[in-house]
N, C-alpha and C. Protein backbone atom coordinates (compact mmCIF):
# COMPACT_ATOMS: atom_id res chain seq x y z
N MET A 1 0.86 -1.27 -0.10
CA MET A 1 -0.06 0.10 -0.14
C MET A 1 1.02 1.39 0.12
N ARG A 2 0.66 2.28 -0.94
CA ARG A 2 1.31 3.41 -1.02
C ARG A 2 1.30 4.27 0.08
N GLY A 3 2.21 4.71 0.63
CA GLY A 3 2.34 5.73 1.80
C GLY A 3 1.92 7.01 1.49
N GLY A 4 1.56 7.97 2.43
CA GLY A 4 1.00 9.24 1.90
C GLY A 4 -0.30 9.53 2.91
N LEU A 5 -0.52 10.78 2.91
CA LEU A 5 -2.04 11.14 3.42
C LEU A 5 -3.08 11.00 2.52
N GLY A 6 -4.06 10.54 3.16
CA GLY A 6 -5.44 10.21 2.50
C GLY A 6 -5.89 11.25 1.83
N SER A 7 -7.10 11.47 1.19
CA SER A 7 -7.82 12.50 0.52
C SER A 7 -8.22 13.42 1.62
N ALA A 8 -8.89 12.65 2.68
CA ALA A 8 -9.43 13.47 3.90
C ALA A 8 -8.47 14.31 4.58
N ALA A 9 -7.30 13.78 4.69
CA ALA A 9 -6.09 14.56 5.59
C ALA A 9 -5.76 15.74 4.57
N ARG A 10 -5.60 15.50 3.38
CA ARG A 10 -5.05 16.42 2.60
C ARG A 10 -5.99 17.43 2.52
N ILE A 11 -7.36 17.42 2.35
CA ILE A 11 -8.37 18.45 2.66
C ILE A 11 -8.61 19.23 3.88
N ALA A 12 -8.13 18.42 4.93
CA ALA A 12 -8.09 19.26 6.14
C ALA A 12 -6.91 19.76 6.33
N MET A 13 -5.66 19.64 6.02
CA MET A 13 -4.47 20.02 6.03
C MET A 13 -4.75 21.31 5.10
N ALA A 14 -5.43 21.51 3.95
CA ALA A 14 -5.54 22.50 3.13
C ALA A 14 -6.34 23.50 3.60
N ALA A 15 -7.51 23.01 4.28
CA ALA A 15 -8.44 23.88 5.15
C ALA A 15 -7.63 24.62 6.23
N THR A 16 -6.65 24.03 6.81
CA THR A 16 -6.03 24.75 8.20
C THR A 16 -5.21 25.81 7.59
N VAL A 17 -4.59 25.49 6.19
CA VAL A 17 -3.60 26.41 5.80
C VAL A 17 -4.41 27.59 5.36
N LEU A 18 -5.21 27.57 4.62
CA LEU A 18 -6.26 28.57 3.95
C LEU A 18 -6.84 29.40 5.26
N ALA A 19 -7.17 28.81 6.34
CA ALA A 19 -7.69 29.74 7.47
C ALA A 19 -6.55 30.50 8.10
N GLY A 20 -5.49 29.85 8.15
CA GLY A 20 -4.22 30.64 8.68
C GLY A 20 -3.83 31.88 7.89
N LEU A 21 -3.98 31.67 6.45
CA LEU A 21 -3.83 32.79 5.71
C LEU A 21 -5.00 33.89 5.90
N ALA A 22 -5.99 33.39 5.83
CA ALA A 22 -7.06 34.47 6.05
C ALA A 22 -7.00 35.15 7.33
N ALA A 23 -6.56 34.51 8.22
CA ALA A 23 -6.52 35.03 9.61
C ALA A 23 -5.33 36.13 9.73
N HIS A 24 -4.11 35.73 8.92
CA HIS A 24 -3.17 36.82 8.82
C HIS A 24 -3.61 37.99 7.98
N GLY A 25 -4.15 37.67 6.96
CA GLY A 25 -4.76 38.73 6.05
C GLY A 25 -5.59 39.55 6.89
N ALA A 26 -6.63 39.14 7.59
CA ALA A 26 -7.34 39.79 8.54
C ALA A 26 -6.65 40.61 9.70
N GLY A 27 -5.88 40.11 10.11
CA GLY A 27 -4.81 40.94 11.25
C GLY A 27 -4.18 41.92 10.60
N ALA A 28 -3.49 41.55 9.19
CA ALA A 28 -2.84 42.98 8.69
C ALA A 28 -3.52 43.88 8.18
N GLN A 29 -4.86 43.55 7.82
CA GLN A 29 -5.93 44.59 7.44
C GLN A 29 -6.49 45.56 8.76
N SER A 30 -6.57 44.70 9.84
CA SER A 30 -7.10 45.57 11.02
C SER A 30 -6.08 46.13 11.87
N ALA A 31 -4.69 46.25 11.43
CA ALA A 31 -3.73 46.71 12.14
C ALA A 31 -4.07 48.39 12.24
N ALA A 32 -4.02 48.84 13.60
CA ALA A 32 -4.35 50.32 13.73
C ALA A 32 -3.26 51.12 13.33
N PRO A 33 -3.57 52.00 12.54
CA PRO A 33 -2.39 53.09 12.04
C PRO A 33 -1.90 53.74 13.26
N ALA A 34 -0.69 53.97 13.29
CA ALA A 34 0.29 54.52 14.35
C ALA A 34 0.68 55.93 13.85
N ALA A 35 1.07 56.08 12.65
CA ALA A 35 1.35 57.49 12.11
C ALA A 35 1.10 57.70 10.65
N LEU A 36 1.12 58.85 10.25
CA LEU A 36 0.85 59.24 9.09
C LEU A 36 2.22 59.55 8.31
N VAL A 37 2.36 59.18 7.43
CA VAL A 37 3.49 59.63 6.15
C VAL A 37 3.11 60.81 5.90
N GLU A 38 3.81 62.02 6.36
CA GLU A 38 3.72 63.35 5.88
C GLU A 38 4.66 63.72 4.43
N ASP A 39 5.69 63.00 4.40
CA ASP A 39 6.62 63.26 3.34
C ASP A 39 7.55 62.37 3.22
N VAL A 40 7.95 61.74 1.86
CA VAL A 40 9.03 60.86 2.13
C VAL A 40 9.70 60.90 0.72
N SER A 41 11.10 60.98 0.60
CA SER A 41 11.67 61.18 -0.50
C SER A 41 11.81 60.24 -1.43
N PRO A 42 11.80 60.35 -2.77
CA PRO A 42 11.85 59.63 -3.94
C PRO A 42 13.02 58.41 -3.76
N GLY A 43 12.51 57.11 -4.25
CA GLY A 43 13.37 55.94 -4.15
C GLY A 43 13.29 55.12 -2.86
N VAL A 44 12.47 55.72 -1.77
CA VAL A 44 11.94 54.80 -0.57
C VAL A 44 11.07 53.98 -1.05
N THR A 45 10.99 52.70 -0.88
CA THR A 45 10.02 51.81 -1.29
C THR A 45 9.32 51.47 0.04
N GLY A 46 7.91 50.81 -0.31
CA GLY A 46 7.10 50.42 0.80
C GLY A 46 6.25 51.39 1.31
N VAL A 47 6.32 52.87 1.22
CA VAL A 47 5.46 53.75 1.89
C VAL A 47 5.28 54.94 0.87
N GLU A 48 4.26 55.53 0.78
CA GLU A 48 3.99 56.90 0.05
C GLU A 48 3.52 58.03 0.97
N ALA A 49 3.60 59.06 0.38
CA ALA A 49 2.88 60.34 1.38
C ALA A 49 1.44 60.08 1.35
N PHE A 50 0.92 60.38 2.81
CA PHE A 50 -0.12 60.17 3.29
C PHE A 50 -0.75 58.84 3.17
N ASP A 51 0.29 57.88 3.44
CA ASP A 51 0.00 56.57 3.77
C ASP A 51 -0.28 56.56 5.54
N TYR A 52 -1.26 55.56 5.88
CA TYR A 52 -1.02 55.35 7.34
C TYR A 52 -0.04 54.09 7.56
N VAL A 53 0.72 54.17 8.56
CA VAL A 53 1.95 52.90 8.89
C VAL A 53 1.50 52.44 10.30
N PRO A 54 1.65 51.14 10.47
CA PRO A 54 1.07 50.49 11.81
C PRO A 54 2.50 50.56 12.68
N ALA A 55 2.34 50.41 13.89
CA ALA A 55 3.28 49.98 14.85
C ALA A 55 4.19 48.48 14.28
N GLY A 56 5.53 48.74 14.12
CA GLY A 56 6.12 47.47 13.60
C GLY A 56 6.56 47.60 12.25
N LYS A 57 6.14 48.54 11.47
CA LYS A 57 6.38 48.59 10.27
C LYS A 57 8.06 49.13 10.04
N GLU A 58 8.58 48.43 9.11
CA GLU A 58 10.11 48.59 8.92
C GLU A 58 10.34 49.42 7.90
N ILE A 59 10.82 50.33 7.72
CA ILE A 59 11.25 51.32 6.45
C ILE A 59 12.55 51.60 6.23
N GLN A 60 13.29 51.26 4.99
CA GLN A 60 14.66 51.36 4.94
C GLN A 60 14.98 52.75 4.17
N LEU A 61 15.61 53.53 4.60
CA LEU A 61 15.75 55.04 4.00
C LEU A 61 17.24 55.02 3.15
N GLY A 62 18.11 53.98 3.60
CA GLY A 62 19.45 53.95 2.88
C GLY A 62 20.15 55.00 3.53
N SER A 63 21.09 55.45 2.55
CA SER A 63 22.01 56.49 3.25
C SER A 63 21.73 57.94 3.38
N ALA A 64 20.59 58.39 2.30
CA ALA A 64 20.16 59.58 1.99
C ALA A 64 18.71 59.98 2.05
N GLY A 65 17.97 58.80 2.45
CA GLY A 65 16.55 58.90 2.33
C GLY A 65 15.84 59.72 3.41
N LYS A 66 14.76 60.50 3.00
CA LYS A 66 14.28 61.36 4.15
C LYS A 66 12.83 60.86 4.44
N LEU A 67 12.39 60.84 5.50
CA LEU A 67 10.90 60.31 5.97
C LEU A 67 10.54 61.20 6.81
N VAL A 68 9.12 61.94 6.85
CA VAL A 68 8.55 62.73 7.90
C VAL A 68 7.29 61.85 8.33
N LEU A 69 7.34 61.53 9.49
CA LEU A 69 6.20 60.82 10.14
C LEU A 69 5.29 62.09 11.15
N GLY A 70 4.07 61.68 11.19
CA GLY A 70 3.29 62.31 12.25
C GLY A 70 2.66 61.22 13.44
N TYR A 71 2.97 61.14 14.26
CA TYR A 71 2.35 60.13 15.15
C TYR A 71 0.96 60.58 15.66
N LEU A 72 -0.11 59.60 15.59
CA LEU A 72 -1.35 60.10 15.92
C LEU A 72 -1.78 60.10 17.22
N ALA A 73 -1.19 59.39 18.29
CA ALA A 73 -1.45 59.19 19.56
C ALA A 73 -0.70 60.35 20.45
N SER A 74 0.47 60.35 19.94
CA SER A 74 1.46 61.48 20.80
C SER A 74 1.53 62.69 20.21
N CYS A 75 1.25 62.83 18.97
CA CYS A 75 1.37 64.26 18.25
C CYS A 75 2.82 64.47 17.79
N VAL A 76 3.56 63.57 18.09
CA VAL A 76 4.94 63.83 17.84
C VAL A 76 5.22 63.80 16.31
N GLU A 77 6.00 64.89 15.76
CA GLU A 77 6.36 64.78 14.55
C GLU A 77 7.76 64.49 14.34
N GLU A 78 8.38 63.72 13.42
CA GLU A 78 9.70 63.14 13.24
C GLU A 78 10.24 63.44 11.81
N THR A 79 11.18 63.97 11.77
CA THR A 79 11.95 64.12 10.51
C THR A 79 12.99 63.20 10.52
N ILE A 80 13.31 62.28 9.78
CA ILE A 80 14.20 61.18 9.93
C ILE A 80 15.16 61.19 8.56
N LEU A 81 16.45 61.26 8.72
CA LEU A 81 17.28 61.05 7.56
C LEU A 81 18.02 60.01 7.61
N GLY A 82 17.92 59.11 6.53
CA GLY A 82 18.97 57.91 6.52
C GLY A 82 18.57 56.90 7.47
N GLY A 83 19.12 55.59 7.17
CA GLY A 83 19.00 54.40 8.03
C GLY A 83 17.73 53.60 8.26
N ALA A 84 17.72 52.62 9.04
CA ALA A 84 16.60 51.65 9.37
C ALA A 84 15.54 52.24 10.27
N VAL A 85 14.37 52.50 9.75
CA VAL A 85 13.23 53.01 10.82
C VAL A 85 12.26 51.97 11.15
N THR A 86 11.86 51.89 12.52
CA THR A 86 11.02 50.82 12.83
C THR A 86 9.90 51.74 13.52
N VAL A 87 8.58 51.67 12.97
CA VAL A 87 7.54 52.64 13.57
C VAL A 87 7.09 52.03 14.73
N GLY A 88 7.00 52.94 15.83
CA GLY A 88 6.41 52.40 17.27
C GLY A 88 5.03 52.89 17.48
N ALA A 89 4.57 52.84 18.71
CA ALA A 89 3.51 53.42 19.11
C ALA A 89 3.12 54.74 19.12
N GLU A 90 4.49 55.37 19.65
CA GLU A 90 4.35 56.93 19.82
C GLU A 90 5.41 57.71 19.18
N GLN A 91 6.36 57.08 18.85
CA GLN A 91 7.61 57.51 18.06
C GLN A 91 8.50 56.23 17.44
N SER A 92 9.46 56.50 16.77
CA SER A 92 10.24 55.59 15.87
C SER A 92 11.60 55.00 16.58
N THR A 93 11.91 53.88 16.27
CA THR A 93 13.46 53.64 16.43
C THR A 93 14.14 53.63 15.14
N VAL A 94 15.23 54.51 15.12
CA VAL A 94 16.02 54.78 14.06
C VAL A 94 17.42 54.09 14.20
N ALA A 95 17.79 53.28 13.21
CA ALA A 95 19.19 52.80 13.50
C ALA A 95 19.89 53.23 12.31
N GLY A 96 21.19 53.92 12.59
CA GLY A 96 22.17 54.32 11.39
C GLY A 96 21.64 55.67 10.79
N GLY A 97 20.83 56.36 11.33
CA GLY A 97 20.29 57.60 10.80
C GLY A 97 20.16 58.58 11.86
N SER A 98 19.65 59.79 11.46
CA SER A 98 19.22 60.82 12.37
C SER A 98 17.88 61.27 12.43
N VAL A 99 17.41 61.66 13.53
CA VAL A 99 16.02 61.84 14.01
C VAL A 99 15.63 63.02 14.36
N GLU A 100 14.89 64.20 14.18
CA GLU A 100 14.53 65.25 14.89
C GLU A 100 13.10 65.10 15.17
N ARG A 101 12.61 65.42 16.33
CA ARG A 101 11.16 65.40 16.78
C ARG A 101 10.83 66.56 17.50
N LYS A 102 9.43 66.85 17.12
CA LYS A 102 8.76 68.08 17.72
C LYS A 102 7.32 67.78 18.15
N THR A 103 6.71 68.12 18.96
CA THR A 103 5.41 67.92 19.42
C THR A 103 4.46 69.16 19.03
N ILE A 104 3.42 68.66 18.21
CA ILE A 104 2.53 69.57 17.61
C ILE A 104 1.04 69.63 18.14
N ALA A 105 0.24 70.66 17.85
CA ALA A 105 -1.38 70.52 18.44
C ALA A 105 -1.76 69.54 17.12
N CYS A 106 -2.53 68.37 17.64
CA CYS A 106 -3.15 67.64 16.84
C CYS A 106 -4.20 66.90 17.54
N ALA A 107 -5.00 66.26 16.65
CA ALA A 107 -6.08 65.45 16.80
C ALA A 107 -6.23 64.33 16.15
N GLY A 108 -5.28 63.30 16.27
CA GLY A 108 -4.97 62.15 15.31
C GLY A 108 -6.02 60.92 15.45
N GLN A 109 -6.79 60.99 16.44
CA GLN A 109 -7.96 60.07 16.50
C GLN A 109 -9.21 60.51 16.01
N PRO A 110 -9.94 59.62 15.29
CA PRO A 110 -11.32 60.12 14.82
C PRO A 110 -12.02 60.83 15.73
N MET A 111 -12.65 61.78 14.86
CA MET A 111 -13.47 62.59 15.77
C MET A 111 -14.95 62.79 15.00
N GLN A 112 -16.06 63.22 15.88
CA GLN A 112 -17.35 63.41 15.25
C GLN A 112 -18.19 64.14 16.31
N LEU A 113 -19.16 64.82 15.96
CA LEU A 113 -19.85 65.61 16.88
C LEU A 113 -21.03 64.62 17.28
N THR A 114 -21.42 64.94 18.32
CA THR A 114 -22.89 64.20 18.73
C THR A 114 -23.95 64.89 17.86
N ALA A 115 -24.84 63.87 17.89
CA ALA A 115 -26.07 64.14 17.03
C ALA A 115 -26.58 65.71 17.29
N GLU A 116 -26.83 66.13 18.61
CA GLU A 116 -27.03 67.66 18.95
C GLU A 116 -26.17 68.61 18.15
N GLN A 117 -24.95 68.20 18.23
CA GLN A 117 -23.65 69.13 17.78
C GLN A 117 -23.91 69.14 16.38
N SER A 118 -24.23 68.14 15.72
CA SER A 118 -24.15 68.05 14.32
C SER A 118 -25.36 68.64 13.44
N GLY A 119 -26.30 68.84 14.18
CA GLY A 119 -27.50 69.66 13.93
C GLY A 119 -27.64 71.11 13.98
N MET A 120 -26.51 71.62 14.38
CA MET A 120 -26.51 72.84 14.53
C MET A 120 -26.16 73.76 13.43
N SER A 121 -26.73 74.65 13.37
CA SER A 121 -26.43 75.71 12.14
C SER A 121 -25.44 76.81 12.59
N GLY A 122 -25.90 77.99 12.07
CA GLY A 122 -24.77 79.16 12.19
C GLY A 122 -24.67 79.47 13.77
N GLY A 123 -25.72 79.10 14.60
CA GLY A 123 -25.40 79.59 16.01
C GLY A 123 -24.69 78.51 16.73
N LEU A 124 -23.24 78.97 17.06
CA LEU A 124 -22.47 78.25 18.01
C LEU A 124 -22.27 78.68 19.44
N ALA A 125 -22.16 77.86 20.29
CA ALA A 125 -22.00 78.24 21.65
C ALA A 125 -20.70 77.83 21.92
N PHE A 126 -19.83 78.86 22.45
CA PHE A 126 -18.35 78.77 22.74
C PHE A 126 -18.30 78.68 24.09
N ARG A 127 -17.27 78.08 24.59
CA ARG A 127 -16.70 78.15 26.03
C ARG A 127 -16.46 79.47 26.44
N ARG A 128 -16.97 80.04 27.65
CA ARG A 128 -16.85 81.22 28.13
C ARG A 128 -15.65 81.33 28.95
N PRO A 129 -14.82 82.48 29.60
CA PRO A 129 -13.85 82.70 30.13
C PRO A 129 -14.64 82.33 31.65
N PRO A 130 -13.80 82.11 32.60
CA PRO A 130 -14.21 81.71 34.23
C PRO A 130 -14.70 83.15 34.56
N SER A 131 -15.70 82.91 35.13
CA SER A 131 -16.25 83.97 35.91
C SER A 131 -15.99 84.31 37.55
N THR A 132 -15.82 85.36 37.87
CA THR A 132 -15.42 85.85 39.20
C THR A 132 -16.46 85.71 40.26
N SER A 133 -18.00 85.34 39.60
CA SER A 133 -19.01 85.06 40.48
C SER A 133 -18.91 83.82 41.09
N THR A 134 -19.55 83.66 42.38
CA THR A 134 -19.46 82.49 42.97
C THR A 134 -20.69 81.51 42.76
N ALA A 135 -21.51 81.88 41.98
CA ALA A 135 -22.72 81.19 41.36
C ALA A 135 -22.12 80.08 40.27
N PRO A 136 -22.51 78.90 40.52
CA PRO A 136 -22.06 78.05 39.40
C PRO A 136 -22.54 78.24 37.74
N ALA A 137 -21.85 78.34 37.02
CA ALA A 137 -22.04 78.76 35.57
C ALA A 137 -22.77 77.54 34.90
N PRO A 138 -23.54 78.14 33.91
CA PRO A 138 -24.25 76.89 33.33
C PRO A 138 -23.42 76.33 32.25
N ALA A 139 -23.45 74.85 32.12
CA ALA A 139 -22.69 74.09 31.31
C ALA A 139 -22.82 74.59 29.74
N PRO A 140 -21.75 74.98 29.11
CA PRO A 140 -21.77 75.41 27.77
C PRO A 140 -22.37 74.02 26.73
N ALA A 141 -23.08 74.60 25.70
CA ALA A 141 -23.82 73.57 25.02
C ALA A 141 -22.73 72.57 24.20
N THR A 142 -21.56 73.20 24.00
CA THR A 142 -20.39 72.66 23.16
C THR A 142 -19.08 73.40 23.41
N ASP A 143 -17.95 72.56 23.29
CA ASP A 143 -16.57 73.27 23.44
C ASP A 143 -16.38 74.05 21.99
N ARG A 144 -15.51 74.67 21.94
CA ARG A 144 -14.92 75.62 21.13
C ARG A 144 -14.67 74.70 19.96
N PRO A 145 -14.77 74.76 18.68
CA PRO A 145 -14.40 73.91 17.56
C PRO A 145 -12.86 73.69 17.69
N ARG A 146 -12.23 72.52 16.82
CA ARG A 146 -11.08 72.28 16.93
C ARG A 146 -10.39 73.36 16.10
N LEU A 147 -9.21 74.03 16.35
CA LEU A 147 -8.59 75.11 15.72
C LEU A 147 -7.52 74.22 14.55
N ILE A 148 -7.79 74.69 13.19
CA ILE A 148 -6.77 74.14 11.95
C ILE A 148 -6.09 75.13 11.85
N PRO A 149 -4.74 74.87 11.94
CA PRO A 149 -3.71 75.95 11.42
C PRO A 149 -3.38 76.04 9.99
N GLY A 150 -4.32 75.79 9.05
CA GLY A 150 -4.18 76.13 7.69
C GLY A 150 -5.36 76.19 7.09
N THR A 151 -5.36 76.73 5.97
CA THR A 151 -6.67 76.76 5.01
C THR A 151 -7.15 75.89 4.32
N GLY A 152 -6.31 74.53 4.30
CA GLY A 152 -6.74 73.44 3.49
C GLY A 152 -6.56 72.36 4.41
N PRO A 153 -7.76 71.78 5.08
CA PRO A 153 -7.70 70.50 6.14
C PRO A 153 -7.06 69.33 5.06
N VAL A 154 -6.65 68.40 6.06
CA VAL A 154 -6.28 67.07 5.43
C VAL A 154 -7.59 66.14 6.04
N ILE A 155 -8.30 65.38 5.14
CA ILE A 155 -9.44 64.67 5.42
C ILE A 155 -9.18 63.32 5.44
N SER A 156 -9.60 62.57 6.31
CA SER A 156 -9.21 61.14 6.26
C SER A 156 -10.63 60.20 6.38
N LEU A 157 -11.10 59.27 5.41
CA LEU A 157 -12.13 58.77 5.57
C LEU A 157 -11.95 57.20 5.93
N PRO A 158 -12.72 56.53 6.41
CA PRO A 158 -12.57 54.96 6.70
C PRO A 158 -12.84 53.98 5.45
N LYS A 159 -13.69 54.80 4.61
CA LYS A 159 -14.29 54.18 3.37
C LYS A 159 -14.61 55.37 2.25
N PRO A 160 -14.09 55.14 0.97
CA PRO A 160 -14.58 55.88 0.01
C PRO A 160 -15.85 56.64 0.24
N GLY A 161 -15.92 58.16 -0.11
CA GLY A 161 -17.27 58.57 0.19
C GLY A 161 -17.29 60.11 -0.24
N ARG A 162 -18.26 60.45 0.11
CA ARG A 162 -18.59 61.83 -0.10
C ARG A 162 -18.49 62.75 1.19
N VAL A 163 -17.72 64.02 1.26
CA VAL A 163 -17.57 64.98 2.18
C VAL A 163 -18.23 66.16 1.95
N THR A 164 -19.04 67.00 2.59
CA THR A 164 -19.37 68.35 2.17
C THR A 164 -18.92 69.17 3.38
N ILE A 165 -18.04 70.16 3.06
CA ILE A 165 -17.76 71.16 4.09
C ILE A 165 -18.61 72.30 3.97
N SER A 166 -19.27 72.70 5.04
CA SER A 166 -20.17 73.98 5.16
C SER A 166 -19.62 74.89 6.01
N ARG A 167 -19.65 76.21 5.72
CA ARG A 167 -19.33 77.20 6.51
C ARG A 167 -20.54 77.58 7.44
N VAL A 168 -20.50 77.68 8.72
CA VAL A 168 -21.55 77.76 9.71
C VAL A 168 -21.61 79.20 10.31
N ASP A 169 -20.48 80.17 10.22
CA ASP A 169 -20.42 81.24 10.77
C ASP A 169 -20.91 82.49 9.88
N ALA A 170 -20.99 82.10 8.56
CA ALA A 170 -21.23 83.07 7.46
C ALA A 170 -21.69 82.41 6.21
N LYS A 171 -22.28 83.02 5.14
CA LYS A 171 -22.91 82.68 4.14
C LYS A 171 -21.67 82.15 3.31
N ALA A 172 -21.78 81.21 2.45
CA ALA A 172 -20.80 80.68 1.57
C ALA A 172 -21.01 79.41 0.93
N PRO A 173 -20.93 79.28 -0.33
CA PRO A 173 -21.30 77.99 -0.83
C PRO A 173 -20.44 76.74 -0.38
N PRO A 174 -21.14 75.53 -0.06
CA PRO A 174 -20.60 74.46 0.48
C PRO A 174 -19.41 74.04 -0.57
N VAL A 175 -18.42 73.24 0.16
CA VAL A 175 -17.59 72.49 -0.90
C VAL A 175 -17.83 70.80 -0.90
N THR A 176 -18.33 70.37 -2.02
CA THR A 176 -18.51 68.74 -1.90
C THR A 176 -17.48 68.01 -2.70
N LEU A 177 -16.94 66.91 -2.05
CA LEU A 177 -15.83 66.24 -2.60
C LEU A 177 -16.14 64.61 -2.54
N ASP A 178 -15.83 63.88 -3.50
CA ASP A 178 -15.42 62.48 -3.32
C ASP A 178 -14.10 61.97 -3.21
N LEU A 179 -14.11 61.53 -2.00
CA LEU A 179 -12.61 61.22 -1.66
C LEU A 179 -12.46 59.71 -1.47
N PRO A 180 -11.25 59.36 -1.65
CA PRO A 180 -10.65 57.73 -1.35
C PRO A 180 -10.66 57.78 0.10
N ALA A 181 -10.40 56.24 0.31
CA ALA A 181 -10.19 55.82 1.84
C ALA A 181 -8.67 56.07 2.12
N LYS A 182 -8.35 57.36 2.18
CA LYS A 182 -6.74 57.61 2.16
C LYS A 182 -6.71 59.21 2.59
N PRO A 183 -6.06 59.61 3.31
CA PRO A 183 -6.02 61.05 4.01
C PRO A 183 -5.72 61.82 2.50
N VAL A 184 -6.22 62.82 2.31
CA VAL A 184 -6.25 63.77 1.26
C VAL A 184 -6.33 65.24 1.69
N ASP A 185 -4.81 65.73 1.09
CA ASP A 185 -4.90 67.14 1.38
C ASP A 185 -5.49 68.16 0.46
N LEU A 186 -6.46 68.54 1.31
CA LEU A 186 -7.67 69.48 0.44
C LEU A 186 -6.87 70.69 -0.21
N GLY A 187 -5.85 70.85 0.52
CA GLY A 187 -5.02 72.07 -0.21
C GLY A 187 -4.50 71.95 -1.58
N LYS A 188 -4.01 70.76 -1.66
CA LYS A 188 -3.38 70.36 -3.05
C LYS A 188 -4.51 70.13 -4.14
N ARG A 189 -5.57 70.04 -3.68
CA ARG A 189 -7.06 69.90 -4.50
C ARG A 189 -7.48 71.29 -4.98
N GLY A 190 -6.88 72.51 -4.54
CA GLY A 190 -7.19 73.67 -4.57
C GLY A 190 -8.55 74.20 -3.68
N VAL A 191 -8.76 73.51 -2.47
CA VAL A 191 -9.64 73.98 -1.73
C VAL A 191 -9.04 74.87 -0.70
N GLN A 192 -9.34 76.14 -0.56
CA GLN A 192 -8.86 76.94 0.37
C GLN A 192 -10.02 77.56 1.24
N LEU A 193 -9.95 77.15 2.57
CA LEU A 193 -11.19 77.83 3.27
C LEU A 193 -10.50 79.33 3.97
N ALA A 194 -11.72 80.08 4.58
CA ALA A 194 -11.46 81.31 4.92
C ALA A 194 -10.60 81.29 6.44
N PRO A 195 -9.37 82.24 6.49
CA PRO A 195 -9.16 82.12 7.93
C PRO A 195 -9.92 82.95 8.92
N GLY A 196 -10.29 82.10 9.99
CA GLY A 196 -11.24 82.58 10.94
C GLY A 196 -12.38 82.05 10.95
N GLY A 197 -12.71 81.35 9.78
CA GLY A 197 -14.09 80.86 9.35
C GLY A 197 -14.26 79.67 10.30
N THR A 198 -15.63 79.15 10.44
CA THR A 198 -15.93 77.99 11.41
C THR A 198 -16.55 77.17 10.42
N TYR A 199 -16.38 75.94 10.11
CA TYR A 199 -16.93 74.93 9.30
C TYR A 199 -17.31 73.52 9.79
N ARG A 200 -18.15 72.99 9.09
CA ARG A 200 -18.69 71.62 9.62
C ARG A 200 -18.45 70.80 8.40
N ALA A 201 -17.65 69.62 8.59
CA ALA A 201 -17.37 68.66 7.66
C ALA A 201 -18.37 67.51 7.89
N SER A 202 -19.00 67.24 6.89
CA SER A 202 -20.03 66.20 6.79
C SER A 202 -19.73 64.85 6.18
N TYR A 203 -19.93 63.74 6.75
CA TYR A 203 -19.38 62.37 5.94
C TYR A 203 -20.35 61.60 6.48
N GLY A 204 -21.63 61.21 5.58
CA GLY A 204 -22.51 60.11 6.24
C GLY A 204 -23.53 60.72 7.18
N ALA A 205 -23.46 60.19 8.32
CA ALA A 205 -24.02 60.39 9.37
C ALA A 205 -23.09 60.89 10.44
N SER A 206 -21.83 61.33 10.34
CA SER A 206 -20.95 61.75 10.94
C SER A 206 -20.57 63.35 10.52
N ALA A 207 -20.00 64.17 11.57
CA ALA A 207 -19.82 65.67 11.30
C ALA A 207 -18.59 66.01 12.23
N VAL A 208 -18.03 66.89 11.83
CA VAL A 208 -16.95 67.41 12.63
C VAL A 208 -16.88 68.84 12.43
N LEU A 209 -16.91 69.69 13.46
CA LEU A 209 -16.94 71.01 13.71
C LEU A 209 -15.48 71.58 13.99
N PHE A 210 -14.86 72.34 13.01
CA PHE A 210 -13.51 73.11 13.20
C PHE A 210 -13.39 74.31 12.64
N GLU A 211 -12.49 75.20 13.24
CA GLU A 211 -12.21 76.67 12.84
C GLU A 211 -10.83 76.68 12.12
N VAL A 212 -10.84 77.62 11.16
CA VAL A 212 -9.54 77.83 10.59
C VAL A 212 -8.77 78.70 11.13
N ASP A 213 -7.63 78.70 11.77
CA ASP A 213 -6.68 79.80 12.51
C ASP A 213 -6.93 81.21 11.61
N ALA A 214 -7.38 82.22 12.13
CA ALA A 214 -7.37 83.59 11.42
C ALA A 214 -6.01 83.91 11.29
N ARG A 215 -4.92 83.51 11.84
CA ARG A 215 -3.61 83.84 11.61
C ARG A 215 -2.75 82.88 10.54
N SER A 216 -3.62 82.17 9.78
CA SER A 216 -3.23 81.10 9.03
C SER A 216 -2.37 81.67 7.65
N THR A 217 -1.15 81.21 7.32
CA THR A 217 -0.49 81.52 6.31
C THR A 217 -0.64 80.31 5.19
N GLY A 218 -1.39 79.33 5.28
CA GLY A 218 -1.55 78.45 4.29
C GLY A 218 -0.95 77.28 4.57
N GLU A 219 0.49 77.11 4.77
CA GLU A 219 1.12 76.04 4.95
C GLU A 219 1.50 75.75 6.56
N SER A 220 1.24 74.29 6.79
CA SER A 220 1.43 73.83 8.14
C SER A 220 1.46 72.20 8.08
N SER A 221 1.80 71.66 9.09
CA SER A 221 2.07 69.97 9.08
C SER A 221 0.70 69.48 9.07
N PRO A 222 0.90 68.45 8.12
CA PRO A 222 -0.28 67.62 7.65
C PRO A 222 -1.18 67.01 8.76
N LEU A 223 -0.21 66.58 9.79
CA LEU A 223 -0.60 65.96 11.07
C LEU A 223 -1.75 66.97 11.72
N ALA A 224 -1.11 68.45 11.84
CA ALA A 224 -1.92 69.34 12.61
C ALA A 224 -3.34 69.71 11.89
N ARG A 225 -3.29 69.47 10.56
CA ARG A 225 -4.58 69.70 9.91
C ARG A 225 -5.38 68.50 9.51
N LEU A 226 -5.09 67.46 10.02
CA LEU A 226 -5.63 66.09 9.96
C LEU A 226 -7.11 65.90 10.73
N ILE A 227 -8.11 65.60 9.87
CA ILE A 227 -9.46 65.44 10.61
C ILE A 227 -9.79 64.11 9.92
N ARG A 228 -9.82 62.98 10.91
CA ARG A 228 -9.98 61.68 10.89
C ARG A 228 -11.69 61.46 11.15
N PHE A 229 -12.44 60.78 10.21
CA PHE A 229 -13.93 60.35 10.51
C PHE A 229 -13.65 58.93 10.92
């Protein structure tokens, strides 16, 4: 009798291998992003500008490659020159290269308004300065919108879809865009919002309220301008 696995054993082994591959693929797809690639020099393989990268990702820069990462959890922005980069949870490990770090104002985690806030129109309630009165102050209806330091926000969607950006403190035509499931710099698409204006970005049932810094000069860190749904 010829040795070897029977047909039932072969089928079971194949099913086990396929299940393992499927689990590995699902795990790779569900890996939470740790950082945003803000910029990368030509010739560096494996990443592109405005990619998300998970913790554990290794990136080879060679002797002269440049990489700029913005960490979502720590708001640390790194400029890395050369070497081997291993992405961490809050900052990178760099071997054979140099790294400069600075902390910036950011909101890297997904944001959205409550149903009550997303239904607001032009009338906004902002947090007032502390009162000298001893009587308890009434709770504000909402906190001040997040401040974006540039006239072109970076919008990140979990799935391809349509985003509408409406000004809520003055009359202005809304901006409607169909975007991919990848961070998009609206400034590079020609969208320039008004410094000092307050806007609501809507995607499906979610909405984010934000204000453009009145002192904006246009250019600023992509991480500082990132709005994640």
